[in-house]
């Protein structure tokens, strides 16, 4: 896939206007309703011209989200986690691989301890 899953995209599928708030929600994993409420509050509480300028610049500069960027909701959650904390995501993936490796070693130990011919075959493969 040529599209980057860690890049900010406008979410035109869930857009109300230009898709900026929906894109921010997709990027961060926050519900789009809260992002829209926050945008309105920041605009009304004194950021009037700058929030609108930033909104239009983001809508003009950012690309639209490619269709089929995520294969599932679980995939979208994973990539949101990567964007929020790459180190934590890397640590989680490494932990999953360590767990798989440990379980595979347990299976190997079980079968080689009870089957000496299988143990000899496995040793010959190393």
C-alpha atoms as a PDB file:
ATOM      1  CA  UNK A   1       0.000   0.000   0.000  1.00  0.00           C
ATOM      2  CA  UNK A   2       1.444   3.352  -0.986  1.00  0.00           C
ATOM      3  CA  UNK A   3      -0.598   5.452   1.480  1.00  0.00           C
ATOM      4  CA  UNK A   4       1.034   6.160   4.830  1.00  0.00           C
ATOM      5  CA  UNK A   5      -1.021   5.091   7.826  1.00  0.00           C
ATOM      6  CA  UNK A   6       0.721   7.542  10.123  1.00  0.00           C
ATOM      7  CA  UNK A   7      -0.032  10.650   8.063  1.00  0.00           C
ATOM      8  CA  UNK A   8      -2.855  13.134   8.740  1.00  0.00           C
ATOM      9  CA  UNK A   9      -5.667  12.838   6.190  1.00  0.00           C
ATOM     10  CA  UNK A  10      -8.946  14.662   5.736  1.00  0.00           C
ATOM     11  CA  UNK A  11     -11.779  12.248   6.422  1.00  0.00           C
ATOM     12  CA  UNK A  12     -14.243  13.119   3.668  1.00  0.00           C
ATOM     13  CA  UNK A  13     -16.457  10.103   4.452  1.00  0.00           C
ATOM     14  CA  UNK A  14     -17.341  11.433   7.927  1.00  0.00           C
ATOM     15  CA  UNK A  15     -17.045  15.120   7.050  1.00  0.00           C
ATOM     16  CA  UNK A  16     -19.570  17.798   7.902  1.00  0.00           C
ATOM     17  CA  UNK A  17     -17.787  20.516   5.999  1.00  0.00           C
ATOM     18  CA  UNK A  18     -14.235  19.904   4.769  1.00  0.00           C
ATOM     19  CA  UNK A  19     -13.315  16.848   6.817  1.00  0.00           C
ATOM     20  CA  UNK A  20     -10.701  18.513   9.025  1.00  0.00           C
ATOM     21  CA  UNK A  21     -12.345  17.702  12.367  1.00  0.00           C
ATOM     22  CA  UNK A  22     -13.146  14.170  11.200  1.00  0.00           C
ATOM     23  CA  UNK A  23      -9.521  13.809  10.087  1.00  0.00           C
ATOM     24  CA  UNK A  24      -8.251  14.997  13.466  1.00  0.00           C
ATOM     25  CA  UNK A  25     -10.601  12.541  15.166  1.00  0.00           C
ATOM     26  CA  UNK A  26      -9.380   9.702  12.960  1.00  0.00           C
ATOM     27  CA  UNK A  27      -5.755  10.658  13.532  1.00  0.00           C
ATOM     28  CA  UNK A  28      -6.007  10.893  17.325  1.00  0.00           C
ATOM     29  CA  UNK A  29      -8.715   8.340  18.085  1.00  0.00           C
ATOM     30  CA  UNK A  30     -10.913  10.906  19.840  1.00  0.00           C
ATOM     31  CA  UNK A  31     -14.618  10.886  19.029  1.00  0.00           C
ATOM     32  CA  UNK A  32     -15.369  13.339  16.215  1.00  0.00           C
ATOM     33  CA  UNK A  33     -18.143  14.988  18.244  1.00  0.00           C
ATOM     34  CA  UNK A  34     -15.644  16.036  20.936  1.00  0.00           C
ATOM     35  CA  UNK A  35     -13.238  17.379  18.319  1.00  0.00           C
ATOM     36  CA  UNK A  36     -16.015  19.482  16.760  1.00  0.00           C
ATOM     37  CA  UNK A  37     -17.150  20.777  20.157  1.00  0.00           C
ATOM     38  CA  UNK A  38     -13.551  21.637  21.018  1.00  0.00           C
ATOM     39  CA  UNK A  39     -13.120  23.473  17.708  1.00  0.00           C
ATOM     40  CA  UNK A  40     -16.234  25.551  18.325  1.00  0.00           C
ATOM     41  CA  UNK A  41     -15.223  26.325  21.939  1.00  0.00           C
ATOM     42  CA  UNK A  42     -11.702  27.379  20.970  1.00  0.00           C
ATOM     43  CA  UNK A  43     -13.109  29.592  18.229  1.00  0.00           C
ATOM     44  CA  UNK A  44     -15.647  31.231  20.550  1.00  0.00           C
ATOM     45  CA  UNK A  45     -13.218  31.643  23.466  1.00  0.00           C
ATOM     46  CA  UNK A  46     -10.890  33.976  21.631  1.00  0.00           C
ATOM     47  CA  UNK A  47      -9.236  32.122  18.790  1.00  0.00           C
ATOM     48  CA  UNK A  48     -11.733  33.406  16.227  1.00  0.00           C
ATOM     49  CA  UNK A  49      -9.689  34.328  13.205  1.00  0.00           C
ATOM     50  CA  UNK A  50      -6.785  31.930  13.835  1.00  0.00           C
ATOM     51  CA  UNK A  51      -8.798  28.758  14.273  1.00  0.00           C
ATOM     52  CA  UNK A  52     -10.687  29.409  11.060  1.00  0.00           C
ATOM     53  CA  UNK A  53      -7.470  30.201   9.216  1.00  0.00           C
ATOM     54  CA  UNK A  54      -5.876  27.011  10.558  1.00  0.00           C
ATOM     55  CA  UNK A  55      -8.990  25.044   9.606  1.00  0.00           C
ATOM     56  CA  UNK A  56      -8.934  26.298   6.009  1.00  0.00           C
ATOM     57  CA  UNK A  57      -5.175  25.808   5.678  1.00  0.00           C
ATOM     58  CA  UNK A  58      -5.481  22.226   6.935  1.00  0.00           C
ATOM     59  CA  UNK A  59      -8.376  21.622   4.555  1.00  0.00           C
ATOM     60  CA  UNK A  60      -6.373  23.020   1.674  1.00  0.00           C
ATOM     61  CA  UNK A  61      -3.002  21.373   2.419  1.00  0.00           C
ATOM     62  CA  UNK A  62      -3.997  17.900   3.657  1.00  0.00           C
ATOM     63  CA  UNK A  63      -4.843  15.041   1.345  1.00  0.00           C
ATOM     64  CA  UNK A  64      -8.111  13.146   1.475  1.00  0.00           C
ATOM     65  CA  UNK A  65      -7.966   9.802   3.260  1.00  0.00           C
ATOM     66  CA  UNK A  66      -7.589   6.976   0.727  1.00  0.00           C
ATOM     67  CA  UNK A  67     -10.436   4.487   0.690  1.00  0.00           C
ATOM     68  CA  UNK A  68      -9.524   1.184   2.292  1.00  0.00           C
ATOM     69  CA  UNK A  69      -6.671   2.652   4.357  1.00  0.00           C
ATOM     70  CA  UNK A  70      -7.616   0.404   7.275  1.00  0.00           C
ATOM     71  CA  UNK A  71      -8.815  -3.160   6.824  1.00  0.00           C
ATOM     72  CA  UNK A  72     -10.752  -3.267  10.103  1.00  0.00           C
ATOM     73  CA  UNK A  73     -11.636  -1.244  13.172  1.00  0.00           C
ATOM     74  CA  UNK A  74      -8.887  -3.090  15.062  1.00  0.00           C
ATOM     75  CA  UNK A  75      -6.397  -2.009  12.384  1.00  0.00           C
ATOM     76  CA  UNK A  76      -7.511   1.631  12.737  1.00  0.00           C
ATOM     77  CA  UNK A  77      -7.106   1.458  16.542  1.00  0.00           C
ATOM     78  CA  UNK A  78      -3.612  -0.015  16.159  1.00  0.00           C
ATOM     79  CA  UNK A  79      -2.462   2.775  13.834  1.00  0.00           C
ATOM     80  CA  UNK A  80      -3.977   5.436  16.085  1.00  0.00           C
ATOM     81  CA  UNK A  81      -1.909   3.956  18.907  1.00  0.00           C
ATOM     82  CA  UNK A  82       1.197   4.069  16.729  1.00  0.00           C
ATOM     83  CA  UNK A  83       0.614   7.757  16.022  1.00  0.00           C
ATOM     84  CA  UNK A  84       0.011   8.553  19.696  1.00  0.00           C
ATOM     85  CA  UNK A  85       2.947   6.607  21.113  1.00  0.00           C
ATOM     86  CA  UNK A  86       5.255   4.770  18.691  1.00  0.00           C
ATOM     87  CA  UNK A  87       7.458   3.490  21.514  1.00  0.00           C
ATOM     88  CA  UNK A  88       4.505   1.943  23.348  1.00  0.00           C
ATOM     89  CA  UNK A  89       3.256   0.332  20.137  1.00  0.00           C
ATOM     90  CA  UNK A  90       6.692  -1.098  19.417  1.00  0.00           C
ATOM     91  CA  UNK A  91       6.914  -2.406  22.976  1.00  0.00           C
ATOM     92  CA  UNK A  92       3.473  -4.045  22.644  1.00  0.00           C
ATOM     93  CA  UNK A  93       4.387  -5.730  19.349  1.00  0.00           C
ATOM     94  CA  UNK A  94       7.677  -6.985  20.796  1.00  0.00           C
ATOM     95  CA  UNK A  95       5.828  -8.340  23.835  1.00  0.00           C
ATOM     96  CA  UNK A  96       3.384 -10.204  21.579  1.00  0.00           C
ATOM     97  CA  UNK A  97       6.254 -11.728  19.611  1.00  0.00           C
ATOM     98  CA  UNK A  98       8.043 -12.694  22.836  1.00  0.00           C
ATOM     99  CA  UNK A  99       4.851 -14.389  24.044  1.00  0.00           C
ATOM    100  CA  UNK A 100       4.479 -16.272  20.754  1.00  0.00           C
ATOM    101  CA  UNK A 101       8.151 -17.302  20.886  1.00  0.00           C
ATOM    102  CA  UNK A 102       7.767 -18.501  24.486  1.00  0.00           C
ATOM    103  CA  UNK A 103       4.679 -20.537  23.620  1.00  0.00           C
ATOM    104  CA  UNK A 104       6.427 -22.063  20.610  1.00  0.00           C
ATOM    105  CA  UNK A 105       9.398 -22.994  22.804  1.00  0.00           C
ATOM    106  CA  UNK A 106       7.002 -24.625  25.284  1.00  0.00           C
ATOM    107  CA  UNK A 107       5.440 -26.672  22.495  1.00  0.00           C
ATOM    108  CA  UNK A 108       8.881 -27.695  21.236  1.00  0.00           C
ATOM    109  CA  UNK A 109       9.964 -28.667  24.750  1.00  0.00           C
ATOM    110  CA  UNK A 110       6.810 -30.710  25.277  1.00  0.00           C
ATOM    111  CA  UNK A 111       7.193 -32.691  22.073  1.00  0.00           C
ATOM    112  CA  UNK A 112      10.943 -33.174  22.275  1.00  0.00           C
ATOM    113  CA  UNK A 113      10.826 -34.297  25.926  1.00  0.00           C
ATOM    114  CA  UNK A 114       8.288 -37.020  25.225  1.00  0.00           C
ATOM    115  CA  UNK A 115       9.524 -38.039  21.768  1.00  0.00           C
ATOM    116  CA  UNK A 116      13.249 -38.678  21.454  1.00  0.00           C
ATOM    117  CA  UNK A 117      13.136 -39.385  17.703  1.00  0.00           C
ATOM    118  CA  UNK A 118      11.479 -36.029  17.116  1.00  0.00           C
ATOM    119  CA  UNK A 119      14.125 -34.373  19.294  1.00  0.00           C
ATOM    120  CA  UNK A 120      16.869 -35.923  17.141  1.00  0.00           C
ATOM    121  CA  UNK A 121      15.175 -34.629  13.957  1.00  0.00           C
ATOM    122  CA  UNK A 122      14.845 -31.122  15.363  1.00  0.00           C
ATOM    123  CA  UNK A 123      18.484 -31.142  16.482  1.00  0.00           C
ATOM    124  CA  UNK A 124      19.568 -32.288  13.017  1.00  0.00           C
ATOM    125  CA  UNK A 125      17.732 -29.321  11.480  1.00  0.00           C
ATOM    126  CA  UNK A 126      19.651 -26.815  13.628  1.00  0.00           C
END
